[in-house]
Amino acid sequence: MRPRGWATLGALPLLALGGFVAWKSWRVARELVDPPFYHPVPLARVEATYRDLAAGGDGDPGGTWSSEEVGGLQLWRLRRSAPSPGVVLLLHGFGDDRWGTSPALKWFPGLDAAIFTYRRRDDALRGGAPAPAVTFGVEESRDVVRIVHHLEATGIPRRRILLMGRSLGASVGLLALADLEREGRGPLAGLIWEGAPASSRSFAERLVRGPEDRWWHVLAPPIGAIASRAAGRMGGYDPAETDLLRRAEGTRFATPSLCFLATQDRLAPPAVQRAMAAHFASGRVIEVPTWHLHCSDVLGAGYAGAIREATTTWFQ
């Protein structure tokens, strides 16, 4: 074989490797901006779920739903029949919407509740229109800030507004809180969070790694970096703005927090959760030996009990 032929043959593994990295990076980038597993349920099912939640049961008193337009967003509010000391704003996670996270209001039987879908993606998809890209907390956290401002404008003091988020909802809540506290208008009632991805780059790398490490995962860091940059271009945002530790740098949150920390979580690094929790002047961390989003399953009644204990203290 001629030298040129040997050179071509020797380059094939490198070409194959480069092709795999490019293909995997594109796949992960697409998943970041448009979760492939998310399909909004029909409105009839949403309405049925809301009727069930309004009726209450199992210790939850239910309430009355209403909706309102807030700058292009649709905000749903559940008002309890008895006077409530405040409202919990429920923040949904990656590949979810207001319907998927609405049952969480049962953990707050003494509070009014508010809920919405970031960027109104569910309505767009139900209507057959292109859905706005997921921006991994950049635009979504700004939506949360707008909703908090709206709740304040309706007469609810900031100190009576509680945020709760899990998975990407936790990251969105933390990013929104950083912006809200920098306004210098005082703390919120509290933040309850679980499983916050560290950044779009970290999440992309961990999607590549999956449930267990394999030899070829040495490629996960460069694929995560490429994918997060590509997702940022697709969604029109700066991936650096999704970095929780970067956004919280130099900040000491006055808002109290309750963090459920899944110590076996591969999508939300436990070390980052502990580092973020250290930014709170007042907070509690409950470590649970489980994976992403399973703290409530493992703790059982203790999960709701910890939430009730926190909210009782915060809303005194």
Protein backbone atom coordinates (compact mmCIF):
# COMPACT_ATOMS: atom_id res chain seq x y z
CA MET A 1 0.00 0.00 0.00
CA ARG A 2 1.28 3.46 -0.89
CA PRO A 3 2.11 5.95 1.93
CA ARG A 4 -0.90 8.07 1.02
CA GLY A 5 -3.15 5.02 1.36
CA TRP A 6 -1.70 4.22 4.78
CA ALA A 7 -2.23 7.81 5.88
CA THR A 8 -5.84 7.72 4.74
CA LEU A 9 -6.43 4.43 6.52
CA GLY A 10 -4.83 5.77 9.70
CA ALA A 11 -7.04 8.85 9.60
CA LEU A 12 -10.27 6.82 9.52
CA PRO A 13 -10.47 6.32 13.31
CA LEU A 14 -10.00 10.05 13.85
CA LEU A 15 -12.65 10.86 11.27
CA ALA A 16 -15.03 8.37 12.89
CA LEU A 17 -14.34 9.86 16.31
CA GLY A 18 -14.91 13.38 15.02
CA GLY A 19 -18.14 12.31 13.35
CA PHE A 20 -19.39 10.72 16.57
CA VAL A 21 -18.58 13.81 18.62
CA ALA A 22 -20.35 16.07 16.10
CA TRP A 23 -23.43 13.80 15.94
CA LYS A 24 -23.70 13.35 19.71
CA SER A 25 -23.19 17.07 20.35
CA TRP A 26 -26.00 17.93 17.95
CA ARG A 27 -28.33 15.36 19.54
CA VAL A 28 -27.67 16.65 23.05
CA ALA A 29 -28.03 20.29 21.94
CA ARG A 30 -31.43 19.50 20.42
CA GLU A 31 -32.51 17.81 23.65
CA LEU A 32 -31.49 20.89 25.66
CA VAL A 33 -33.65 23.28 23.63
CA ASP A 34 -36.55 20.93 22.86
CA PRO A 35 -36.90 17.98 25.28
CA PRO A 36 -37.88 14.99 23.12
CA PHE A 37 -39.87 13.37 25.91
CA TYR A 38 -42.17 16.35 26.51
CA HIS A 39 -45.66 16.17 25.07
CA PRO A 40 -48.29 18.46 26.64
CA VAL A 41 -51.43 16.61 27.63
CA PRO A 42 -54.82 17.59 26.15
CA LEU A 43 -56.51 20.54 27.81
CA ALA A 44 -59.45 18.33 28.82
CA ARG A 45 -57.09 16.30 31.00
CA VAL A 46 -55.53 19.46 32.42
CA GLU A 47 -58.97 20.78 33.33
CA ALA A 48 -59.92 17.46 34.95
CA THR A 49 -56.77 17.53 37.08
CA TYR A 50 -57.46 21.10 38.14
CA ARG A 51 -61.04 20.16 39.12
CA ASP A 52 -59.67 17.33 41.27
CA LEU A 53 -57.19 19.66 42.93
CA ALA A 54 -59.91 22.24 43.56
CA ALA A 55 -62.05 19.58 45.25
CA GLY A 56 -59.24 18.74 47.67
CA GLY A 57 -58.94 15.58 49.74
CA ASP A 58 -56.32 13.65 51.71
CA GLY A 59 -55.79 16.58 54.03
CA ASP A 60 -55.79 19.23 51.33
CA PRO A 61 -58.73 21.67 51.55
CA GLY A 62 -58.82 22.43 47.83
CA GLY A 63 -59.81 25.87 46.65
CA THR A 64 -61.00 27.93 43.70
CA TRP A 65 -59.02 28.35 40.47
CA SER A 66 -58.79 31.51 38.41
CA SER A 67 -56.50 32.55 35.58
CA GLU A 68 -55.14 35.84 34.32
CA GLU A 69 -52.85 37.13 31.61
CA VAL A 70 -49.51 38.50 32.76
CA GLY A 71 -47.50 39.95 29.90
CA GLY A 72 -48.20 37.08 27.52
CA LEU A 73 -48.06 34.41 30.22
CA GLN A 74 -51.10 32.64 31.61
CA LEU A 75 -50.99 32.55 35.40
CA TRP A 76 -53.28 30.15 37.26
CA ARG A 77 -54.06 30.81 40.91
CA LEU A 78 -55.70 28.57 43.50
CA ARG A 79 -57.23 30.47 46.39
CA ARG A 80 -58.10 28.60 49.56
CA SER A 81 -61.49 29.14 51.19
CA ALA A 82 -59.82 30.12 54.47
CA PRO A 83 -57.49 33.12 54.68
CA SER A 84 -53.96 32.15 53.66
CA PRO A 85 -50.73 33.69 54.99
CA GLY A 86 -49.17 33.64 51.52
CA VAL A 87 -48.77 31.96 48.15
CA VAL A 88 -46.47 29.27 46.79
CA LEU A 89 -45.35 29.72 43.19
CA LEU A 90 -44.72 26.25 41.74
CA LEU A 91 -41.94 26.04 39.15
CA HIS A 92 -41.92 23.10 36.76
CA GLY A 93 -38.90 21.14 35.61
CA PHE A 94 -37.21 20.16 32.35
CA GLY A 95 -39.67 18.75 29.83
CA ASP A 96 -42.68 19.54 32.02
CA ASP A 97 -45.34 22.23 32.32
CA ARG A 98 -47.88 23.68 34.75
CA TRP A 99 -50.03 20.55 34.61
CA GLY A 100 -47.19 18.22 35.46
CA THR A 101 -46.17 20.11 38.59
CA SER A 102 -49.64 21.20 39.75
CA PRO A 103 -50.17 18.24 42.16
CA ALA A 104 -47.27 19.61 44.23
CA LEU A 105 -49.67 22.17 45.66
CA LYS A 106 -50.94 19.41 47.98
CA TRP A 107 -47.71 19.81 49.95
CA PHE A 108 -48.93 23.32 50.89
CA PRO A 109 -52.49 22.85 52.20
CA GLY A 110 -52.39 26.12 54.12
CA LEU A 111 -51.17 28.30 51.26
CA ASP A 112 -52.67 29.71 48.11
CA ALA A 113 -50.90 28.48 44.98
CA ALA A 114 -49.83 29.94 41.64
CA ILE A 115 -48.54 28.15 38.57
CA PHE A 116 -47.70 28.81 34.92
CA THR A 117 -45.71 27.34 32.03
CA TYR A 118 -42.50 29.12 31.07
CA ARG A 119 -42.79 30.95 27.76
CA ARG A 120 -46.21 29.34 27.27
CA ARG A 121 -44.65 26.36 25.50
CA ASP A 122 -47.59 24.03 26.26
CA ASP A 123 -50.12 26.26 24.52
CA ALA A 124 -47.85 26.68 21.49
CA LEU A 125 -47.38 22.93 21.09
CA ARG A 126 -51.08 22.19 21.57
CA GLY A 127 -51.86 24.74 18.88
CA GLY A 128 -49.40 23.20 16.44
CA ALA A 129 -47.09 26.22 16.49
CA PRO A 130 -43.31 26.08 16.95
CA ALA A 131 -42.63 26.17 20.67
CA PRO A 132 -40.13 28.67 22.10
CA ALA A 133 -36.80 27.01 22.85
CA VAL A 134 -35.93 25.98 26.37
CA THR A 135 -33.19 28.37 27.50
CA PHE A 136 -32.16 26.37 30.56
CA GLY A 137 -33.29 29.00 33.02
CA VAL A 138 -32.18 32.21 31.31
CA GLU A 139 -35.55 33.37 29.95
CA GLU A 140 -37.53 31.10 32.28
CA SER A 141 -36.12 32.81 35.39
CA ARG A 142 -37.07 36.18 33.92
CA ASP A 143 -40.62 34.88 33.57
CA VAL A 144 -40.57 34.01 37.28
CA VAL A 145 -39.35 37.49 38.19
CA ARG A 146 -42.21 38.99 36.16
CA ILE A 147 -44.75 36.78 37.92
CA VAL A 148 -43.38 37.69 41.35
CA HIS A 149 -43.64 41.38 40.43
CA HIS A 150 -47.23 40.78 39.32
CA LEU A 151 -48.13 39.03 42.58
CA GLU A 152 -46.65 41.97 44.47
CA ALA A 153 -48.72 44.37 42.37
CA THR A 154 -51.88 42.48 43.36
CA GLY A 155 -51.13 43.17 47.02
CA ILE A 156 -49.10 40.15 48.12
CA PRO A 157 -45.93 41.31 49.91
CA ARG A 158 -42.69 39.76 48.71
CA ARG A 159 -42.13 38.21 52.14
CA ARG A 160 -45.37 36.25 51.59
CA ILE A 161 -44.29 34.64 48.30
CA LEU A 162 -42.66 31.21 48.38
CA LEU A 163 -40.93 29.52 45.43
CA MET A 164 -40.71 25.77 44.96
CA GLY A 165 -38.88 24.04 42.11
CA ARG A 166 -37.41 20.63 41.34
CA SER A 167 -34.97 19.68 38.59
CA LEU A 168 -34.71 22.57 36.12
CA GLY A 169 -37.43 24.26 38.19
CA ALA A 170 -34.92 24.40 41.04
CA SER A 171 -32.32 26.05 38.80
CA VAL A 172 -34.95 28.49 37.52
CA GLY A 173 -35.91 29.34 41.09
CA LEU A 174 -32.30 29.93 42.15
CA LEU A 175 -31.57 32.09 39.11
CA ALA A 176 -34.75 34.11 39.65
CA LEU A 177 -33.97 34.54 43.34
CA ALA A 178 -30.52 35.92 42.51
CA ASP A 179 -32.14 38.57 40.31
CA LEU A 180 -34.94 39.34 42.79
CA GLU A 181 -32.59 39.83 45.73
CA ARG A 182 -30.33 42.09 43.69
CA GLU A 183 -33.31 44.44 43.35
CA GLY A 184 -32.79 45.33 47.01
CA ARG A 185 -36.46 45.00 47.90
CA GLY A 186 -36.10 42.36 50.57
CA PRO A 187 -36.28 38.55 50.74
CA LEU A 188 -39.04 36.22 49.69
CA ALA A 189 -40.78 33.98 52.21
CA GLY A 190 -38.56 31.08 51.17
CA LEU A 191 -37.27 28.78 48.45
CA ILE A 192 -37.74 25.00 48.42
CA TRP A 193 -35.55 23.26 45.85
CA GLU A 194 -34.38 19.84 44.79
CA GLY A 195 -32.01 18.60 42.09
CA ALA A 196 -30.86 21.85 40.47
CA PRO A 197 -28.65 21.22 37.39
CA ALA A 198 -25.41 23.16 37.77
CA SER A 199 -25.47 24.65 34.24
CA SER A 200 -26.47 23.74 30.71
CA ARG A 201 -22.90 22.58 30.06
CA SER A 202 -22.85 20.37 33.16
CA PHE A 203 -26.27 18.94 32.31
CA ALA A 204 -25.22 18.23 28.71
CA GLU A 205 -22.12 16.40 29.90
CA ARG A 206 -24.18 14.34 32.33
CA LEU A 207 -26.71 13.45 29.65
CA VAL A 208 -23.82 11.94 27.73
CA ARG A 209 -22.65 10.01 30.77
CA GLY A 210 -26.08 8.58 31.50
CA PRO A 211 -26.75 6.30 34.49
CA GLU A 212 -23.21 4.91 34.72
CA ASP A 213 -19.71 5.76 33.55
CA ARG A 214 -18.16 3.91 30.60
CA TRP A 215 -14.70 4.13 29.06
CA TRP A 216 -15.77 6.34 26.17
CA HIS A 217 -17.15 8.96 28.55
CA VAL A 218 -13.79 10.64 28.40
CA LEU A 219 -15.53 12.43 25.51
CA ALA A 220 -18.35 13.72 27.74
CA PRO A 221 -16.67 17.03 28.73
CA PRO A 222 -15.93 18.21 25.15
CA ILE A 223 -19.33 17.01 23.93
CA GLY A 224 -21.03 18.84 26.81
CA ALA A 225 -19.14 22.03 26.01
CA ILE A 226 -19.94 21.86 22.30
CA ALA A 227 -23.59 20.93 22.89
CA SER A 228 -24.21 23.71 25.40
CA ARG A 229 -22.73 26.31 23.04
CA ALA A 230 -24.83 24.97 20.17
CA ALA A 231 -27.97 25.00 22.34
CA GLY A 232 -27.22 28.59 23.31
CA ARG A 233 -27.07 29.57 19.63
CA MET A 234 -30.31 27.68 18.89
CA GLY A 235 -32.12 29.26 21.85
CA GLY A 236 -30.55 32.70 21.63
CA TYR A 237 -28.99 32.75 25.10
CA ASP A 238 -25.56 32.76 26.72
CA PRO A 239 -24.83 29.35 28.34
CA ALA A 240 -22.70 31.13 30.96
CA GLU A 241 -25.93 32.67 32.30
CA THR A 242 -27.16 29.18 33.24
CA ASP A 243 -24.24 28.58 35.62
CA LEU A 244 -25.68 28.64 39.15
CA LEU A 245 -22.42 29.20 41.01
CA ARG A 246 -21.40 31.96 38.62
CA ARG A 247 -24.75 33.75 39.01
CA ALA A 248 -24.63 33.41 42.81
CA GLU A 249 -21.02 34.53 43.15
CA GLY A 250 -20.65 37.13 45.88
CA THR A 251 -24.28 36.71 46.96
CA ARG A 252 -25.59 35.88 50.42
CA PHE A 253 -29.29 35.16 50.05
CA ALA A 254 -31.54 36.62 52.75
CA THR A 255 -34.40 34.36 51.64
CA PRO A 256 -34.47 31.16 53.74
CA SER A 257 -34.26 27.84 51.92
CA LEU A 258 -35.02 24.16 52.24
CA CYS A 259 -32.92 21.94 49.99
CA PHE A 260 -33.61 18.26 49.40
CA LEU A 261 -30.25 16.92 48.24
CA ALA A 262 -30.20 13.62 46.36
CA THR A 263 -26.71 12.31 47.12
CA GLN A 264 -26.72 9.82 44.21
CA ASP A 265 -27.92 12.35 41.63
CA ARG A 266 -25.97 12.25 38.36
CA LEU A 267 -27.83 15.14 36.69
CA ALA A 268 -27.57 17.63 39.54
CA PRO A 269 -24.13 17.29 41.15
CA PRO A 270 -24.41 17.01 44.96
CA ALA A 271 -21.28 19.15 45.42
CA VAL A 272 -22.95 22.02 43.53
CA GLN A 273 -26.12 21.67 45.61
CA ARG A 274 -24.06 21.98 48.81
CA ALA A 275 -22.17 24.97 47.42
CA MET A 276 -25.43 26.71 46.48
CA ALA A 277 -26.96 25.96 49.89
CA ALA A 278 -23.95 27.67 51.48
CA HIS A 279 -25.03 30.93 49.82
CA PHE A 280 -28.12 31.12 52.06
CA ALA A 281 -27.91 32.93 55.38
CA SER A 282 -30.65 30.66 56.71
CA GLY A 283 -31.41 27.24 55.35
CA ARG A 284 -31.75 23.52 55.90
CA VAL A 285 -30.30 20.75 53.75
CA ILE A 286 -31.83 17.28 53.91
CA GLU A 287 -29.57 14.72 52.25
CA VAL A 288 -31.33 11.69 50.80
CA PRO A 289 -29.54 8.61 49.38
CA THR A 290 -31.36 8.54 46.06
CA TRP A 291 -31.39 9.80 42.49
CA HIS A 292 -32.84 12.75 40.66
CA LEU A 293 -36.42 13.68 41.70
CA HIS A 294 -36.92 10.72 44.04
CA CYS A 295 -36.48 12.42 47.42
CA SER A 296 -40.24 12.50 48.05
CA ASP A 297 -40.51 8.78 47.26
CA VAL A 298 -37.72 7.86 49.68
CA LEU A 299 -38.76 10.19 52.50
CA GLY A 300 -42.48 9.48 52.19
CA ALA A 301 -44.46 11.48 54.74
CA GLY A 302 -41.21 13.02 55.94
CA TYR A 303 -40.97 15.01 52.71
CA ALA A 304 -44.27 16.81 53.25
CA GLY A 305 -43.48 17.07 56.96
CA ALA A 306 -40.24 18.94 56.29
CA ILE A 307 -42.08 21.31 53.95
CA ARG A 308 -44.80 21.98 56.53
CA GLU A 309 -42.19 22.63 59.22
CA ALA A 310 -40.37 25.11 56.99
CA THR A 311 -43.47 26.96 55.82
CA THR A 312 -44.86 27.18 59.35
CA THR A 313 -41.66 28.91 60.43
CA TRP A 314 -41.40 31.16 57.37
CA PHE A 315 -45.02 32.35 57.48
CA GLN A 316 -45.21 33.17 61.21
